[in-house]
Amino acid sequence: MATIAQPNAPPANLDPIERRRYVWEFPVRLSHWVNAIAIGVLFLTGLFIASPVAAPNGEAYNHFLMGKIRLLHFAFAYALVVGIAIRVYWFFVGNNYARSGFPFFWRRSWYKAVFGQVVEYTHLERGHINIGHNSLAGISYVAFFAMCGFEGVTGFALYGESNPGGFWDKLVGWTTPLLGGSFRVHMWHHLVAWLIVVFVVLHLYIAIYDSVLYKNGIVDSIIAGPKFYEPGDHDADKWIS
């Protein structure tokens, strides 16, 4: 059973530096920035692969531009896999903030919390916030990791086409006939990439919104680790500890 723990409420007159809590451990921050950089490079190189906008003069074998772009694309695909693997591993071994926001689909209270968070984001004054991830953030991250998983499977399936019978072709090549052929795999891979961009835009908006309205240092926290909180803010859900 999950219980919502409240932080030890300090007196309201405490200096802000004394209302700070170490939230994001180094592996969480590391995986966040590895994923952020990888997604940026993957999206830009993917756009080039889908629709090349520059082609040097001369024979292709003299410059091998597309080959280099594809190499860069798949190198950062591996980086994204490593970043997600670190984050998933730390979900289980890290502190409770690493597990905060987990979507409890089977609980009515979870849906109430998600709706409450949506309403909270429409307010212009500071309300109680979650020191870790809130329920809305939790479900959005589940959707994000699901999209990254889809991109990984379809991307490596396309990569495996260059080596029929090879490792990636055997591991994920089954997705090509499942989705209706190579062209449709390309199409779905491209579409979900744009959905990830939508997630990134909303993620940046809400992070800046939280930082400005709630004064919780959320943007700084993903670099340094600590966040600020106020008396009454919700602590991490201790559902695993």
C-alpha atoms as a PDB file:
ATOM      1  CA  MET A   1       0.000   0.000   0.000  1.00  0.00           C
ATOM      2  CA  ALA A   2       1.316   3.435  -0.913  1.00  0.00           C
ATOM      3  CA  THR A   3       1.352   6.114   1.708  1.00  0.00           C
ATOM      4  CA  ILE A   4       1.894   9.786   1.053  1.00  0.00           C
ATOM      5  CA  ALA A   5       4.527  11.037   3.440  1.00  0.00           C
ATOM      6  CA  GLN A   6       4.759  14.689   4.378  1.00  0.00           C
ATOM      7  CA  PRO A   7       8.159  16.302   4.879  1.00  0.00           C
ATOM      8  CA  ASN A   8       8.952  17.636   8.318  1.00  0.00           C
ATOM      9  CA  ALA A   9       7.243  20.999   8.060  1.00  0.00           C
ATOM     10  CA  PRO A  10       9.755  23.705   8.952  1.00  0.00           C
ATOM     11  CA  PRO A  11       8.683  27.031  10.426  1.00  0.00           C
ATOM     12  CA  ALA A  12       7.529  29.452   7.752  1.00  0.00           C
ATOM     13  CA  ASN A  13      10.263  31.933   8.654  1.00  0.00           C
ATOM     14  CA  LEU A  14      13.108  29.572   7.789  1.00  0.00           C
ATOM     15  CA  ASP A  15      15.587  30.833   5.212  1.00  0.00           C
ATOM     16  CA  PRO A  16      14.914  29.225   1.769  1.00  0.00           C
ATOM     17  CA  ILE A  17      18.282  27.455   1.874  1.00  0.00           C
ATOM     18  CA  GLU A  18      16.977  25.502   4.890  1.00  0.00           C
ATOM     19  CA  ARG A  19      13.894  24.371   2.951  1.00  0.00           C
ATOM     20  CA  ARG A  20      15.941  22.375   0.467  1.00  0.00           C
ATOM     21  CA  ARG A  21      15.908  18.633  -0.046  1.00  0.00           C
ATOM     22  CA  TYR A  22      18.238  16.424  -2.109  1.00  0.00           C
ATOM     23  CA  VAL A  23      15.852  14.863  -4.600  1.00  0.00           C
ATOM     24  CA  TRP A  24      17.475  13.778  -7.869  1.00  0.00           C
ATOM     25  CA  GLU A  25      20.450  11.464  -7.384  1.00  0.00           C
ATOM     26  CA  PHE A  26      23.347  11.539  -9.836  1.00  0.00           C
ATOM     27  CA  PRO A  27      22.228   8.535 -11.963  1.00  0.00           C
ATOM     28  CA  VAL A  28      18.804  10.153 -12.439  1.00  0.00           C
ATOM     29  CA  ARG A  29      20.391  13.430 -13.532  1.00  0.00           C
ATOM     30  CA  LEU A  30      22.937  11.653 -15.726  1.00  0.00           C
ATOM     31  CA  SER A  31      20.294   9.594 -17.536  1.00  0.00           C
ATOM     32  CA  HIS A  32      18.136  12.716 -17.993  1.00  0.00           C
ATOM     33  CA  TRP A  33      20.885  14.615 -19.815  1.00  0.00           C
ATOM     34  CA  VAL A  34      22.090  11.611 -21.804  1.00  0.00           C
ATOM     35  CA  ASN A  35      18.514  11.091 -22.984  1.00  0.00           C
ATOM     36  CA  ALA A  36      18.014  14.796 -23.712  1.00  0.00           C
ATOM     37  CA  ILE A  37      21.156  15.069 -25.830  1.00  0.00           C
ATOM     38  CA  ALA A  38      20.505  11.755 -27.581  1.00  0.00           C
ATOM     39  CA  ILE A  39      16.925  12.705 -28.477  1.00  0.00           C
ATOM     40  CA  GLY A  40      18.063  16.040 -29.903  1.00  0.00           C
ATOM     41  CA  VAL A  41      20.722  14.449 -32.097  1.00  0.00           C
ATOM     42  CA  LEU A  42      18.435  11.578 -33.102  1.00  0.00           C
ATOM     43  CA  PHE A  43      15.681  13.945 -34.181  1.00  0.00           C
ATOM     44  CA  LEU A  44      17.934  16.195 -36.251  1.00  0.00           C
ATOM     45  CA  THR A  45      19.802  13.340 -37.921  1.00  0.00           C
ATOM     46  CA  GLY A  46      16.497  11.524 -38.454  1.00  0.00           C
ATOM     47  CA  LEU A  47      15.090  14.547 -40.293  1.00  0.00           C
ATOM     48  CA  PHE A  48      18.143  14.526 -42.557  1.00  0.00           C
ATOM     49  CA  ILE A  49      17.864  10.803 -43.226  1.00  0.00           C
ATOM     50  CA  ALA A  50      14.153  11.154 -44.073  1.00  0.00           C
ATOM     51  CA  SER A  51      14.655  14.202 -46.297  1.00  0.00           C
ATOM     52  CA  PRO A  52      18.279  15.128 -47.111  1.00  0.00           C
ATOM     53  CA  VAL A  53      18.685  18.876 -47.493  1.00  0.00           C
ATOM     54  CA  ALA A  54      22.336  18.924 -48.555  1.00  0.00           C
ATOM     55  CA  ALA A  55      24.308  16.801 -50.933  1.00  0.00           C
ATOM     56  CA  PRO A  56      27.986  17.505 -51.649  1.00  0.00           C
ATOM     57  CA  ASN A  57      29.103  17.456 -55.262  1.00  0.00           C
ATOM     58  CA  GLY A  58      30.753  14.377 -56.675  1.00  0.00           C
ATOM     59  CA  GLU A  59      30.367  10.668 -56.183  1.00  0.00           C
ATOM     60  CA  ALA A  60      28.805   9.493 -52.933  1.00  0.00           C
ATOM     61  CA  TYR A  61      31.753   7.261 -52.062  1.00  0.00           C
ATOM     62  CA  ASN A  62      34.004  10.331 -51.892  1.00  0.00           C
ATOM     63  CA  HIS A  63      32.160  11.963 -49.010  1.00  0.00           C
ATOM     64  CA  PHE A  64      29.763   9.301 -47.623  1.00  0.00           C
ATOM     65  CA  LEU A  65      27.606  12.010 -46.007  1.00  0.00           C
ATOM     66  CA  MET A  66      24.459   9.929 -45.579  1.00  0.00           C
ATOM     67  CA  GLY A  67      26.493   7.064 -44.180  1.00  0.00           C
ATOM     68  CA  LYS A  68      28.078   9.371 -41.600  1.00  0.00           C
ATOM     69  CA  ILE A  69      24.700  10.801 -40.618  1.00  0.00           C
ATOM     70  CA  ARG A  70      23.263   7.299 -40.227  1.00  0.00           C
ATOM     71  CA  LEU A  71      26.295   6.287 -38.147  1.00  0.00           C
ATOM     72  CA  LEU A  72      25.754   9.308 -35.891  1.00  0.00           C
ATOM     73  CA  HIS A  73      22.032   8.511 -35.684  1.00  0.00           C
ATOM     74  CA  PHE A  74      22.573   4.944 -34.538  1.00  0.00           C
ATOM     75  CA  ALA A  75      25.457   5.868 -32.214  1.00  0.00           C
ATOM     76  CA  PHE A  76      23.102   8.147 -30.290  1.00  0.00           C
ATOM     77  CA  ALA A  77      20.396   5.488 -30.478  1.00  0.00           C
ATOM     78  CA  TYR A  78      22.730   3.281 -28.457  1.00  0.00           C
ATOM     79  CA  ALA A  79      23.332   6.212 -26.078  1.00  0.00           C
ATOM     80  CA  LEU A  80      19.582   6.567 -25.583  1.00  0.00           C
ATOM     81  CA  VAL A  81      19.280   2.845 -24.847  1.00  0.00           C
ATOM     82  CA  VAL A  82      22.018   3.144 -22.217  1.00  0.00           C
ATOM     83  CA  GLY A  83      20.421   6.269 -20.712  1.00  0.00           C
ATOM     84  CA  ILE A  84      17.020   4.610 -20.409  1.00  0.00           C
ATOM     85  CA  ALA A  85      18.587   1.441 -19.008  1.00  0.00           C
ATOM     86  CA  ILE A  86      20.314   3.498 -16.275  1.00  0.00           C
ATOM     87  CA  ARG A  87      17.043   5.248 -15.451  1.00  0.00           C
ATOM     88  CA  VAL A  88      15.047   2.018 -15.276  1.00  0.00           C
ATOM     89  CA  TYR A  89      17.690   0.381 -13.085  1.00  0.00           C
ATOM     90  CA  TRP A  90      17.776   3.386 -10.739  1.00  0.00           C
ATOM     91  CA  PHE A  91      14.006   3.299 -10.513  1.00  0.00           C
ATOM     92  CA  PHE A  92      14.422   0.159  -8.418  1.00  0.00           C
ATOM     93  CA  VAL A  93      17.622   0.909  -6.477  1.00  0.00           C
ATOM     94  CA  GLY A  94      17.441   4.697  -6.048  1.00  0.00           C
ATOM     95  CA  ASN A  95      15.636   6.788  -3.463  1.00  0.00           C
ATOM     96  CA  ASN A  96      11.863   7.197  -3.415  1.00  0.00           C
ATOM     97  CA  TYR A  97      12.048  10.310  -5.581  1.00  0.00           C
ATOM     98  CA  ALA A  98      13.420   8.081  -8.349  1.00  0.00           C
ATOM     99  CA  ARG A  99      10.125   6.155  -8.174  1.00  0.00           C
ATOM    100  CA  SER A 100       7.800   9.114  -7.575  1.00  0.00           C
ATOM    101  CA  GLY A 101       4.890   9.627  -9.932  1.00  0.00           C
ATOM    102  CA  PHE A 102       4.433   5.941 -10.731  1.00  0.00           C
ATOM    103  CA  PRO A 103       0.980   5.542 -12.363  1.00  0.00           C
ATOM    104  CA  PHE A 104      -1.259   3.446 -10.133  1.00  0.00           C
ATOM    105  CA  PHE A 105      -3.861   2.791 -12.835  1.00  0.00           C
ATOM    106  CA  TRP A 106      -5.810   0.443 -10.565  1.00  0.00           C
ATOM    107  CA  ARG A 107      -6.459   3.065  -7.881  1.00  0.00           C
ATOM    108  CA  ARG A 108      -9.230   5.634  -7.996  1.00  0.00           C
ATOM    109  CA  SER A 109      -7.102   8.023  -5.948  1.00  0.00           C
ATOM    110  CA  TRP A 110      -4.488   8.103  -8.736  1.00  0.00           C
ATOM    111  CA  TYR A 111      -7.010   9.417 -11.289  1.00  0.00           C
ATOM    112  CA  LYS A 112      -8.139  12.007  -8.756  1.00  0.00           C
ATOM    113  CA  ALA A 113      -4.519  13.077  -8.270  1.00  0.00           C
ATOM    114  CA  VAL A 114      -3.944  13.411 -12.040  1.00  0.00           C
ATOM    115  CA  PHE A 115      -7.095  15.511 -12.450  1.00  0.00           C
ATOM    116  CA  GLY A 116      -6.112  17.622  -9.453  1.00  0.00           C
ATOM    117  CA  GLN A 117      -2.693  18.254 -10.952  1.00  0.00           C
ATOM    118  CA  VAL A 118      -4.231  19.378 -14.256  1.00  0.00           C
ATOM    119  CA  VAL A 119      -6.462  21.795 -12.340  1.00  0.00           C
ATOM    120  CA  GLU A 120      -3.476  22.990 -10.302  1.00  0.00           C
ATOM    121  CA  TYR A 121      -1.628  23.945 -13.487  1.00  0.00           C
ATOM    122  CA  THR A 122      -4.487  26.293 -14.414  1.00  0.00           C
ATOM    123  CA  HIS A 123      -4.013  28.334 -11.237  1.00  0.00           C
ATOM    124  CA  LEU A 124      -1.930  31.457 -11.000  1.00  0.00           C
ATOM    125  CA  GLU A 125      -1.021  31.098  -7.346  1.00  0.00           C
ATOM    126  CA  ARG A 126       1.200  28.562  -5.657  1.00  0.00           C
ATOM    127  CA  GLY A 127      -0.554  25.514  -4.258  1.00  0.00           C
ATOM    128  CA  HIS A 128       0.843  22.401  -2.605  1.00  0.00           C
ATOM    129  CA  ILE A 129       3.289  20.599  -4.878  1.00  0.00           C
ATOM    130  CA  ASN A 130       5.054  17.245  -5.007  1.00  0.00           C
ATOM    131  CA  ILE A 131       8.704  17.292  -4.048  1.00  0.00           C
ATOM    132  CA  GLY A 132       9.285  14.412  -6.474  1.00  0.00           C
ATOM    133  CA  HIS A 133       7.271  13.688  -9.615  1.00  0.00           C
ATOM    134  CA  ASN A 134       3.536  14.268  -9.418  1.00  0.00           C
ATOM    135  CA  SER A 135       0.972  11.852 -10.895  1.00  0.00           C
ATOM    136  CA  LEU A 136       0.640  13.775 -14.152  1.00  0.00           C
ATOM    137  CA  ALA A 137       4.410  13.779 -14.631  1.00  0.00           C
ATOM    138  CA  GLY A 138       4.503  10.058 -13.854  1.00  0.00           C
ATOM    139  CA  ILE A 139       2.035   9.079 -16.585  1.00  0.00           C
ATOM    140  CA  SER A 140       3.731  11.407 -19.072  1.00  0.00           C
ATOM    141  CA  TYR A 141       7.090   9.710 -18.410  1.00  0.00           C
ATOM    142  CA  VAL A 142       5.515   6.279 -18.890  1.00  0.00           C
ATOM    143  CA  ALA A 143       4.220   7.489 -22.264  1.00  0.00           C
ATOM    144  CA  PHE A 144       7.657   8.922 -23.079  1.00  0.00           C
ATOM    145  CA  PHE A 145       9.511   5.691 -22.289  1.00  0.00           C
ATOM    146  CA  ALA A 146       6.900   3.716 -24.262  1.00  0.00           C
ATOM    147  CA  MET A 147       7.504   5.946 -27.287  1.00  0.00           C
ATOM    148  CA  CYS A 148      11.279   5.594 -26.882  1.00  0.00           C
ATOM    149  CA  GLY A 149      10.841   1.815 -26.713  1.00  0.00           C
ATOM    150  CA  PHE A 150       8.799   1.858 -29.909  1.00  0.00           C
ATOM    151  CA  GLU A 151      11.411   4.048 -31.601  1.00  0.00           C
ATOM    152  CA  GLY A 152      14.178   1.723 -30.462  1.00  0.00           C
ATOM    153  CA  VAL A 153      12.476  -1.429 -31.725  1.00  0.00           C
ATOM    154  CA  THR A 154      11.454   0.035 -35.090  1.00  0.00           C
ATOM    155  CA  GLY A 155      14.745   1.902 -35.521  1.00  0.00           C
ATOM    156  CA  PHE A 156      16.891  -1.161 -34.932  1.00  0.00           C
ATOM    157  CA  ALA A 157      14.564  -3.163 -37.177  1.00  0.00           C
ATOM    158  CA  LEU A 158      15.343  -0.713 -39.977  1.00  0.00           C
ATOM    159  CA  TYR A 159      19.020  -0.863 -39.051  1.00  0.00           C
ATOM    160  CA  GLY A 160      18.871  -4.654 -39.291  1.00  0.00           C
ATOM    161  CA  GLU A 161      17.714  -4.464 -42.914  1.00  0.00           C
ATOM    162  CA  SER A 162      21.294  -3.646 -43.899  1.00  0.00           C
ATOM    163  CA  ASN A 163      22.414  -6.998 -42.481  1.00  0.00           C
ATOM    164  CA  PRO A 164      19.717  -9.634 -43.104  1.00  0.00           C
ATOM    165  CA  GLY A 165      20.006 -12.484 -40.638  1.00  0.00           C
ATOM    166  CA  GLY A 166      22.217 -10.410 -38.345  1.00  0.00           C
ATOM    167  CA  PHE A 167      21.729  -9.662 -34.653  1.00  0.00           C
ATOM    168  CA  TRP A 168      19.231  -6.797 -34.958  1.00  0.00           C
ATOM    169  CA  ASP A 169      17.355  -8.435 -37.799  1.00  0.00           C
ATOM    170  CA  LYS A 170      16.827 -11.557 -35.716  1.00  0.00           C
ATOM    171  CA  LEU A 171      16.012  -9.630 -32.546  1.00  0.00           C
ATOM    172  CA  VAL A 172      13.511  -7.054 -33.813  1.00  0.00           C
ATOM    173  CA  GLY A 173      13.128  -7.757 -37.529  1.00  0.00           C
ATOM    174  CA  TRP A 174       9.730  -9.343 -36.848  1.00  0.00           C
ATOM    175  CA  THR A 175       8.288  -5.844 -36.458  1.00  0.00           C
ATOM    176  CA  THR A 176       8.664  -5.145 -40.184  1.00  0.00           C
ATOM    177  CA  PRO A 177       6.065  -7.673 -41.376  1.00  0.00           C
ATOM    178  CA  LEU A 178       3.957  -6.958 -38.287  1.00  0.00           C
ATOM    179  CA  LEU A 179       3.633  -3.280 -39.203  1.00  0.00           C
ATOM    180  CA  GLY A 180       3.091  -3.953 -42.888  1.00  0.00           C
ATOM    181  CA  GLY A 181       6.527  -3.641 -44.438  1.00  0.00           C
ATOM    182  CA  SER A 182       9.581  -1.418 -44.377  1.00  0.00           C
ATOM    183  CA  PHE A 183       7.807   1.709 -45.637  1.00  0.00           C
ATOM    184  CA  ARG A 184       5.209   1.571 -42.857  1.00  0.00           C
ATOM    185  CA  VAL A 185       7.921   0.989 -40.258  1.00  0.00           C
ATOM    186  CA  HIS A 186       9.610   4.166 -41.535  1.00  0.00           C
ATOM    187  CA  MET A 187       6.293   6.012 -41.392  1.00  0.00           C
ATOM    188  CA  TRP A 188       5.484   5.000 -37.812  1.00  0.00           C
ATOM    189  CA  HIS A 189       9.058   5.615 -36.684  1.00  0.00           C
ATOM    190  CA  HIS A 190       8.882   9.141 -38.116  1.00  0.00           C
ATOM    191  CA  LEU A 191       5.441   9.850 -36.633  1.00  0.00           C
ATOM    192  CA  VAL A 192       6.365   8.786 -33.100  1.00  0.00           C
ATOM    193  CA  ALA A 193       9.528  10.900 -33.339  1.00  0.00           C
ATOM    194  CA  TRP A 194       7.291  13.951 -33.753  1.00  0.00           C
ATOM    195  CA  LEU A 195       5.178  12.842 -30.784  1.00  0.00           C
ATOM    196  CA  ILE A 196       8.370  12.789 -28.705  1.00  0.00           C
ATOM    197  CA  VAL A 197       9.042  16.350 -29.840  1.00  0.00           C
ATOM    198  CA  VAL A 198       5.568  17.313 -28.586  1.00  0.00           C
ATOM    199  CA  PHE A 199       6.420  15.708 -25.237  1.00  0.00           C
ATOM    200  CA  VAL A 200       9.722  17.619 -25.050  1.00  0.00           C
ATOM    201  CA  VAL A 201       7.987  20.958 -25.729  1.00  0.00           C
ATOM    202  CA  LEU A 202       5.377  20.300 -23.018  1.00  0.00           C
ATOM    203  CA  HIS A 203       8.079  19.031 -20.656  1.00  0.00           C
ATOM    204  CA  LEU A 204      10.094  22.239 -21.051  1.00  0.00           C
ATOM    205  CA  TYR A 205       6.995  24.393 -20.643  1.00  0.00           C
ATOM    206  CA  ILE A 206       5.906  22.703 -17.407  1.00  0.00           C
ATOM    207  CA  ALA A 207       9.443  22.687 -16.000  1.00  0.00           C
ATOM    208  CA  ILE A 208       9.736  26.443 -16.552  1.00  0.00           C
ATOM    209  CA  TYR A 209       6.164  26.956 -15.287  1.00  0.00           C
ATOM    210  CA  ASP A 210       6.931  25.062 -12.081  1.00  0.00           C
ATOM    211  CA  SER A 211      10.203  26.889 -11.542  1.00  0.00           C
ATOM    212  CA  VAL A 212       8.622  30.346 -11.974  1.00  0.00           C
ATOM    213  CA  LEU A 213       5.300  29.804 -10.180  1.00  0.00           C
ATOM    214  CA  TYR A 214       6.292  27.363  -7.442  1.00  0.00           C
ATOM    215  CA  LYS A 215       9.807  28.736  -6.820  1.00  0.00           C
ATOM    216  CA  ASN A 216      10.996  25.174  -6.246  1.00  0.00           C
ATOM    217  CA  GLY A 217      14.190  25.285  -8.312  1.00  0.00           C
ATOM    218  CA  ILE A 218      13.057  22.393 -10.484  1.00  0.00           C
ATOM    219  CA  VAL A 219      15.257  23.385 -13.437  1.00  0.00           C
ATOM    220  CA  ASP A 220      18.328  23.735 -11.213  1.00  0.00           C
ATOM    221  CA  SER A 221      17.516  20.461  -9.462  1.00  0.00           C
ATOM    222  CA  ILE A 222      18.074  18.334 -12.555  1.00  0.00           C
ATOM    223  CA  ILE A 223      21.612  19.765 -12.677  1.00  0.00           C
ATOM    224  CA  ALA A 224      22.549  19.848  -8.995  1.00  0.00           C
ATOM    225  CA  GLY A 225      20.020  17.535  -7.301  1.00  0.00           C
ATOM    226  CA  PRO A 226      18.258  19.530  -4.535  1.00  0.00           C
ATOM    227  CA  LYS A 227      14.798  21.128  -4.793  1.00  0.00           C
ATOM    228  CA  PHE A 228      13.141  23.721  -2.572  1.00  0.00           C
ATOM    229  CA  TYR A 229       9.865  23.011  -0.829  1.00  0.00           C
ATOM    230  CA  GLU A 230       7.327  24.724   1.396  1.00  0.00           C
ATOM    231  CA  PRO A 231       5.577  23.403   4.538  1.00  0.00           C
ATOM    232  CA  GLY A 232       2.764  21.093   3.450  1.00  0.00           C
ATOM    233  CA  ASP A 233       4.225  20.051   0.094  1.00  0.00           C
ATOM    234  CA  HIS A 234       3.856  16.343  -0.684  1.00  0.00           C
ATOM    235  CA  ASP A 235       6.870  14.099  -0.286  1.00  0.00           C
ATOM    236  CA  ALA A 236       7.651  11.032  -2.408  1.00  0.00           C
ATOM    237  CA  ASP A 237       5.249   8.122  -2.433  1.00  0.00           C
ATOM    238  CA  LYS A 238       6.995   5.326  -0.490  1.00  0.00           C
ATOM    239  CA  TRP A 239       5.545   2.394  -2.365  1.00  0.00           C
ATOM    240  CA  ILE A 240       8.746   0.341  -2.663  1.00  0.00           C
ATOM    241  CA  SER A 241      10.963   1.290   0.290  1.00  0.00           C
END
